[in-house]
Amino acid sequence: MPLSTDRPLRRLARHVLLAATLLYTAVGAAWAAPFNVYHWGEVTQTTATPSLIPGIEIGDRYSVAFVVDNGGATAQSQTWTGEHLRCAIWTVERLDPSGENYITVMEFQQDLTATPPTTVNGTLTTGPGGALTGMFNQIAAVPAGSYSATGVTLTPPVEWFANGINDVFYDSGSTRSFGSALGGVPMGPSNLAAWSGPNPYDGECGAPAGYTVSVDVIGLNAAGGAVDLTLSGAQSGTTSMALPPGATYPMAFPVQVNPGTGYAVALTSQPTGQSCAVEGGNASGIMPAANVTVTLRCQGGGLPPSGVTAVPTLGVWSLLALGLVAGGLGARRLRARADGPA
């Protein structure tokens, strides 16, 4: 009886189907998440903030990308809310002298998981084909935190806006910025054409490891109360910290400073009856790739100044006792002379 060819063909078909299923699963897993959407615009200067961020010029092009992750396996029929935002990436580019290639002037990344944006309205949505059907109405970080920046030197605090109204990027306490030729980053469902994506994203997102600035305290009296210091240069801007007597020192400011960023520790209040000062050459400077400890020394209130050794002194009763002893010795000597030979 001749062998049937149906069974081997069915077995082959099952193997092909299994391989296709595994390939689909692998591709789906690779594209599971996250995804990004991005917008390109042209840099301009507005009257709201007349000073451009140094290194950025009118006519440069900028982009902003938002990375989202809701755990979905595809970009089809998805909804991403503010809690699904993972990263904001701002880039400024400029044509090179040949006019053919763009060079990167600034790249900024903020980890939105570590420090979420301060304002998020609306949602990001897609249809069955994966095309955008909805866009956030606004996203802003005032100030930005947990960020890294290359290219231009940014002075904290940094702020950015995607709301169609504000200049798009600020630094140095909102005294410098750059705007968009469109009047702001276009947002909302009526501006879907201004955005590209969503696309699978496998890049890095976040800030480099920051380092702490601690303060060691010498000579702070309990009666004088606490002293207050500020640290400038941290990602969130200027941070204050109170140093009470009797605490465990060194004490670290509750923020981190990125290596290569300028920082400064300043004293903003004095304790009662004492004079304190931040000592050493590391009270300000460029943050190294290591933690920094500065010294706060307080003088007065019964404490000797720095570098001076206190001389012990006698109290009133000690002086009286010393006088009585000296007087007694003198009386004994006079009596001995009176009893001697004539």
Protein backbone atom coordinates (compact mmCIF):
# COMPACT_ATOMS: atom_id res chain seq x y z
CA MET A 1 0.00 0.00 0.00
CA PRO A 2 1.62 3.31 -1.05
CA LEU A 3 2.44 5.82 1.71
CA SER A 4 0.27 8.93 1.89
CA THR A 5 2.01 12.29 1.41
CA ASP A 6 -0.64 14.13 3.46
CA ARG A 7 0.90 13.34 6.85
CA PRO A 8 4.40 14.78 6.10
CA LEU A 9 2.81 17.84 4.55
CA ARG A 10 0.61 18.39 7.61
CA ARG A 11 3.66 17.98 9.88
CA LEU A 12 5.58 20.53 7.77
CA ALA A 13 2.68 22.95 7.91
CA ARG A 14 2.55 22.69 11.71
CA HIS A 15 6.31 23.40 11.92
CA VAL A 16 5.98 26.42 9.66
CA LEU A 17 3.06 27.72 11.72
CA LEU A 18 4.98 27.19 14.95
CA ALA A 19 8.03 29.00 13.56
CA ALA A 20 5.87 31.89 12.40
CA THR A 21 4.23 32.10 15.82
CA LEU A 22 7.59 32.14 17.58
CA LEU A 23 8.89 34.82 15.21
CA TYR A 24 5.80 36.95 15.78
CA THR A 25 6.15 36.54 19.53
CA ALA A 26 9.83 37.44 19.42
CA VAL A 27 9.19 40.54 17.31
CA GLY A 28 6.27 41.52 19.54
CA ALA A 29 8.46 41.13 22.63
CA ALA A 30 11.22 43.19 21.05
CA TRP A 31 8.74 45.96 20.26
CA ALA A 32 6.77 45.56 23.46
CA ALA A 33 7.82 48.90 24.92
CA PRO A 34 8.74 51.65 25.13
CA PHE A 35 7.68 53.86 22.22
CA ASN A 36 8.43 57.48 21.42
CA VAL A 37 6.75 60.35 19.63
CA TYR A 38 8.64 63.44 18.50
CA HIS A 39 8.21 66.92 17.02
CA TRP A 40 10.62 69.11 15.04
CA GLY A 41 10.54 72.90 15.16
CA GLU A 42 12.63 75.99 14.45
CA VAL A 43 14.35 78.03 17.16
CA THR A 44 13.31 81.65 17.45
CA GLN A 45 13.62 84.42 20.03
CA THR A 46 10.64 86.05 21.69
CA THR A 47 10.14 89.28 23.59
CA ALA A 48 9.10 87.33 26.71
CA THR A 49 12.70 86.35 27.41
CA PRO A 50 15.01 88.46 25.23
CA SER A 51 18.21 86.59 26.17
CA LEU A 52 18.88 83.40 24.21
CA ILE A 53 20.59 80.48 25.93
CA PRO A 54 24.27 80.93 24.98
CA GLY A 55 25.32 78.57 22.20
CA ILE A 56 21.85 78.39 20.62
CA GLU A 57 21.04 80.56 17.60
CA ILE A 58 17.90 81.71 15.84
CA GLY A 59 17.24 79.38 12.91
CA ASP A 60 18.59 76.26 14.63
CA ARG A 61 16.16 73.37 14.59
CA TYR A 62 15.01 71.72 17.78
CA SER A 63 13.18 68.50 18.52
CA VAL A 64 11.35 67.19 21.54
CA ALA A 65 10.60 63.49 22.02
CA PHE A 66 8.53 61.83 24.70
CA VAL A 67 9.15 58.19 25.54
CA VAL A 68 6.13 56.27 26.88
CA ASP A 69 5.68 52.77 28.23
CA ASN A 70 2.40 51.17 29.34
CA GLY A 71 3.63 47.60 28.91
CA GLY A 72 1.79 47.15 25.63
CA ALA A 73 3.28 44.82 23.02
CA THR A 74 2.45 46.98 19.99
CA ALA A 75 1.66 50.59 19.12
CA GLN A 76 -1.84 49.64 17.95
CA SER A 77 -4.94 50.75 19.84
CA GLN A 78 -2.98 52.06 22.81
CA THR A 79 -3.54 54.73 25.45
CA TRP A 80 -0.67 56.31 27.34
CA THR A 81 -1.32 58.62 30.29
CA GLY A 82 1.00 60.86 32.27
CA GLU A 83 2.09 57.99 34.50
CA HIS A 84 3.41 56.18 31.42
CA LEU A 85 5.87 58.96 30.52
CA ARG A 86 9.43 57.70 30.88
CA CYS A 87 11.69 60.30 29.30
CA ALA A 88 11.80 63.73 27.67
CA ILE A 89 14.55 64.34 25.11
CA TRP A 90 15.28 67.82 23.75
CA THR A 91 17.78 68.27 20.92
CA VAL A 92 19.04 71.39 19.11
CA GLU A 93 20.85 70.99 15.77
CA ARG A 94 22.50 73.34 13.29
CA LEU A 95 23.56 72.96 9.66
CA ASP A 96 27.32 72.68 9.20
CA PRO A 97 29.14 75.09 6.84
CA SER A 98 28.55 72.75 3.90
CA GLY A 99 24.82 73.10 4.39
CA GLU A 100 24.39 69.35 3.99
CA ASN A 101 24.70 67.90 7.48
CA TYR A 102 23.31 68.79 10.89
CA ILE A 103 25.52 68.96 13.95
CA THR A 104 24.16 68.57 17.48
CA VAL A 105 24.34 71.77 19.53
CA MET A 106 22.51 70.53 22.62
CA GLU A 107 21.06 67.25 23.84
CA PHE A 108 19.02 67.18 27.02
CA GLN A 109 17.40 64.13 28.64
CA GLN A 110 15.15 64.12 31.68
CA ASP A 111 14.23 60.89 33.44
CA LEU A 112 10.48 61.30 33.95
CA THR A 113 10.33 58.17 36.10
CA ALA A 114 12.70 59.62 38.70
CA THR A 115 11.25 63.15 38.52
CA PRO A 116 7.86 63.29 36.78
CA PRO A 117 6.81 66.42 34.92
CA THR A 118 5.08 69.02 37.06
CA THR A 119 2.17 69.35 34.61
CA VAL A 120 0.56 66.71 32.38
CA ASN A 121 -2.84 67.09 30.73
CA GLY A 122 -4.50 64.74 28.26
CA THR A 123 -3.46 61.36 26.88
CA LEU A 124 -1.55 59.91 23.95
CA THR A 125 -3.64 57.44 21.91
CA THR A 126 -3.39 55.36 18.73
CA GLY A 127 -5.91 53.61 16.48
CA PRO A 128 -6.00 50.00 15.24
CA GLY A 129 -3.35 50.75 12.61
CA GLY A 130 -0.96 52.33 15.14
CA ALA A 131 -1.43 55.91 13.90
CA LEU A 132 -1.85 58.74 16.39
CA THR A 133 -5.43 59.59 17.31
CA GLY A 134 -4.74 61.74 20.36
CA MET A 135 -1.92 63.84 21.83
CA PHE A 136 -1.21 65.22 25.31
CA ASN A 137 -2.57 68.75 25.70
CA GLN A 138 0.46 69.91 27.64
CA ILE A 139 3.55 68.58 29.41
CA ALA A 140 5.86 70.80 31.45
CA ALA A 141 8.68 70.50 33.97
CA VAL A 142 9.10 73.51 36.29
CA PRO A 143 11.81 72.87 37.22
CA ALA A 144 13.34 69.92 35.42
CA GLY A 145 15.08 67.29 37.51
CA SER A 146 17.20 64.15 37.07
CA TYR A 147 18.54 65.30 33.73
CA SER A 148 21.71 65.12 31.69
CA ALA A 149 22.82 67.71 29.17
CA THR A 150 25.61 67.87 26.62
CA GLY A 151 26.70 70.62 24.26
CA VAL A 152 25.71 74.02 25.63
CA THR A 153 26.23 74.76 29.32
CA LEU A 154 22.90 75.03 31.13
CA THR A 155 22.56 76.96 34.39
CA PRO A 156 20.00 75.47 36.82
CA PRO A 157 17.15 75.63 37.33
CA VAL A 158 16.08 74.37 33.90
CA GLU A 159 12.45 74.51 32.77
CA TRP A 160 10.72 73.28 29.63
CA PHE A 161 7.21 73.54 28.22
CA ALA A 162 5.26 71.67 25.57
CA ASN A 163 1.97 73.57 25.64
CA GLY A 164 1.76 75.66 22.48
CA ILE A 165 2.14 78.91 24.45
CA ASN A 166 5.41 79.34 26.35
CA ASP A 167 8.94 79.53 25.04
CA VAL A 168 9.92 75.89 24.89
CA PHE A 169 13.12 75.82 26.97
CA TYR A 170 14.49 77.98 29.80
CA ASP A 171 17.49 78.00 32.11
CA SER A 172 19.10 80.29 34.70
CA GLY A 173 15.86 80.89 36.59
CA SER A 174 13.82 81.73 33.46
CA THR A 175 16.18 84.56 32.47
CA ARG A 176 17.31 82.79 29.28
CA SER A 177 15.33 80.71 26.81
CA PHE A 178 14.63 79.81 23.23
CA GLY A 179 11.23 79.75 21.61
CA SER A 180 9.54 78.07 18.67
CA ALA A 181 8.69 79.70 15.36
CA LEU A 182 5.23 78.15 15.81
CA GLY A 183 4.71 80.04 19.08
CA GLY A 184 5.35 76.94 21.20
CA VAL A 185 5.31 73.17 20.87
CA PRO A 186 1.98 72.30 19.18
CA MET A 187 0.00 69.95 21.39
CA GLY A 188 -3.44 68.35 21.60
CA PRO A 189 -5.49 66.25 19.20
CA SER A 190 -5.78 69.12 16.69
CA ASN A 191 -2.00 69.05 16.09
CA LEU A 192 -1.38 65.38 15.35
CA ALA A 193 0.25 66.25 12.02
CA ALA A 194 3.07 67.99 13.91
CA TRP A 195 4.11 64.73 15.55
CA SER A 196 5.79 61.57 14.29
CA GLY A 197 5.45 58.09 15.72
CA PRO A 198 4.92 56.21 17.85
CA ASN A 199 8.10 54.29 17.10
CA PRO A 200 9.86 51.57 19.12
CA TYR A 201 12.55 53.11 21.33
CA ASP A 202 15.59 51.29 22.67
CA GLY A 203 17.86 54.21 23.56
CA GLU A 204 19.09 55.38 26.92
CA CYS A 205 16.94 57.61 29.05
CA GLY A 206 17.96 59.32 32.24
CA ALA A 207 20.56 61.31 34.10
CA PRO A 208 24.10 60.36 35.00
CA ALA A 209 24.90 59.50 38.59
CA GLY A 210 24.98 62.63 40.70
CA TYR A 211 27.08 63.23 43.79
CA THR A 212 26.33 64.77 47.17
CA VAL A 213 27.66 67.83 48.97
CA SER A 214 27.94 67.37 52.74
CA VAL A 215 28.75 69.83 55.52
CA ASP A 216 30.88 69.07 58.57
CA VAL A 217 30.29 71.39 61.55
CA ILE A 218 32.87 72.44 64.13
CA GLY A 219 32.19 74.54 67.23
CA LEU A 220 28.43 75.11 66.96
CA ASN A 221 27.05 75.79 70.45
CA ALA A 222 23.70 74.40 71.51
CA ALA A 223 22.61 77.76 72.91
CA GLY A 224 23.10 79.50 69.59
CA GLY A 225 20.55 77.50 67.62
CA ALA A 226 20.71 76.23 64.05
CA VAL A 227 22.41 77.77 61.05
CA ASP A 228 21.07 77.75 57.50
CA LEU A 229 23.04 77.06 54.32
CA THR A 230 22.18 76.91 50.62
CA LEU A 231 23.59 74.78 47.83
CA SER A 232 23.39 76.15 44.30
CA GLY A 233 24.11 74.12 41.19
CA ALA A 234 21.89 71.13 41.95
CA GLN A 235 19.57 69.89 39.21
CA SER A 236 16.55 71.33 41.00
CA GLY A 237 18.19 74.73 41.51
CA THR A 238 19.13 76.24 44.88
CA THR A 239 18.42 74.04 47.91
CA SER A 240 18.38 75.07 51.59
CA MET A 241 19.38 73.03 54.63
CA ALA A 242 19.31 73.76 58.39
CA LEU A 243 22.18 72.54 60.57
CA PRO A 244 21.06 72.14 64.20
CA PRO A 245 23.46 71.78 67.15
CA GLY A 246 24.07 68.22 68.29
CA ALA A 247 23.17 66.58 64.97
CA THR A 248 25.30 63.90 63.36
CA TYR A 249 27.79 65.42 60.96
CA PRO A 250 28.78 65.52 58.15
CA MET A 251 25.23 66.11 56.91
CA ALA A 252 24.44 65.90 53.18
CA PHE A 253 22.17 68.23 51.22
CA PRO A 254 19.10 66.23 50.08
CA VAL A 255 19.93 66.70 46.37
CA GLN A 256 22.65 65.63 43.97
CA VAL A 257 24.92 67.64 41.69
CA ASN A 258 25.99 66.32 38.30
CA PRO A 259 29.75 66.03 37.73
CA GLY A 260 31.08 68.94 35.71
CA THR A 261 28.40 71.31 37.08
CA GLY A 262 29.35 74.43 39.02
CA TYR A 263 28.22 74.46 42.66
CA ALA A 264 28.53 76.74 45.69
CA VAL A 265 27.71 76.42 49.41
CA ALA A 266 26.71 79.67 51.14
CA LEU A 267 25.77 80.57 54.72
CA THR A 268 22.44 82.38 55.02
CA SER A 269 22.03 82.75 58.82
CA GLN A 270 24.22 82.95 61.93
CA PRO A 271 23.63 81.39 65.35
CA THR A 272 23.10 83.62 68.36
CA GLY A 273 26.38 84.72 69.97
CA GLN A 274 28.62 83.05 67.38
CA SER A 275 30.15 83.76 64.01
CA CYS A 276 30.28 80.91 61.48
CA ALA A 277 31.96 80.64 58.09
CA VAL A 278 32.35 78.01 55.38
CA GLU A 279 36.04 77.12 55.19
CA GLY A 280 38.25 75.59 52.54
CA GLY A 281 38.71 75.84 48.83
CA ASN A 282 35.98 73.31 48.05
CA ALA A 283 33.08 75.48 49.24
CA SER A 284 32.51 76.24 45.54
CA GLY A 285 33.83 75.03 42.23
CA ILE A 286 33.16 72.39 39.59
CA MET A 287 31.58 69.20 40.90
CA PRO A 288 33.97 66.24 40.53
CA ALA A 289 32.88 62.66 39.96
CA ALA A 290 32.90 62.14 43.73
CA ASN A 291 31.12 63.31 46.86
CA VAL A 292 32.30 66.59 48.42
CA THR A 293 32.47 67.59 52.11
CA VAL A 294 32.90 71.22 53.17
CA THR A 295 33.59 72.51 56.70
CA LEU A 296 31.53 75.05 58.63
CA ARG A 297 33.47 76.46 61.60
CA CYS A 298 31.77 78.53 64.28
CA GLN A 299 33.65 80.86 66.64
CA GLY A 300 32.70 82.81 69.75
CA GLY A 301 30.44 81.80 72.59
CA GLY A 302 33.39 80.49 74.66
CA LEU A 303 35.13 78.75 71.76
CA PRO A 304 38.65 79.67 70.64
CA PRO A 305 39.15 80.96 67.11
CA SER A 306 40.50 78.60 64.47
CA GLY A 307 44.24 77.99 64.89
CA VAL A 308 44.45 79.59 68.36
CA THR A 309 45.12 77.56 71.51
CA ALA A 310 43.22 78.78 74.54
CA VAL A 311 45.35 79.82 77.55
CA PRO A 312 44.00 78.45 80.86
CA THR A 313 43.01 81.20 83.31
CA LEU A 314 42.25 81.17 87.03
CA GLY A 315 38.96 82.09 88.54
CA VAL A 316 38.40 84.54 91.42
CA TRP A 317 38.41 81.90 94.19
CA SER A 318 41.53 80.29 92.74
CA LEU A 319 43.30 83.65 92.84
CA LEU A 320 42.21 84.20 96.48
CA ALA A 321 43.49 80.74 97.44
CA LEU A 322 46.77 81.39 95.65
CA GLY A 323 47.10 84.69 97.48
CA LEU A 324 46.53 83.02 100.87
CA VAL A 325 49.17 80.40 100.13
CA ALA A 326 51.67 83.06 99.05
CA GLY A 327 50.89 85.11 102.12
CA GLY A 328 51.43 82.10 104.41
CA LEU A 329 54.81 81.34 102.84
CA GLY A 330 55.87 84.94 103.27
CA ALA A 331 54.88 84.94 106.94
CA ARG A 332 56.89 81.77 107.60
CA ARG A 333 59.99 83.32 106.02
CA LEU A 334 59.70 86.47 108.13
CA ARG A 335 59.31 84.37 111.31
CA ALA A 336 62.40 82.34 110.44
CA ARG A 337 64.46 85.50 110.08
CA ALA A 338 63.17 86.84 113.41
CA ASP A 339 64.21 83.61 115.24
CA GLY A 340 67.73 83.52 113.73
CA PRO A 341 71.06 84.50 115.49
CA ALA A 342 71.53 88.11 116.52
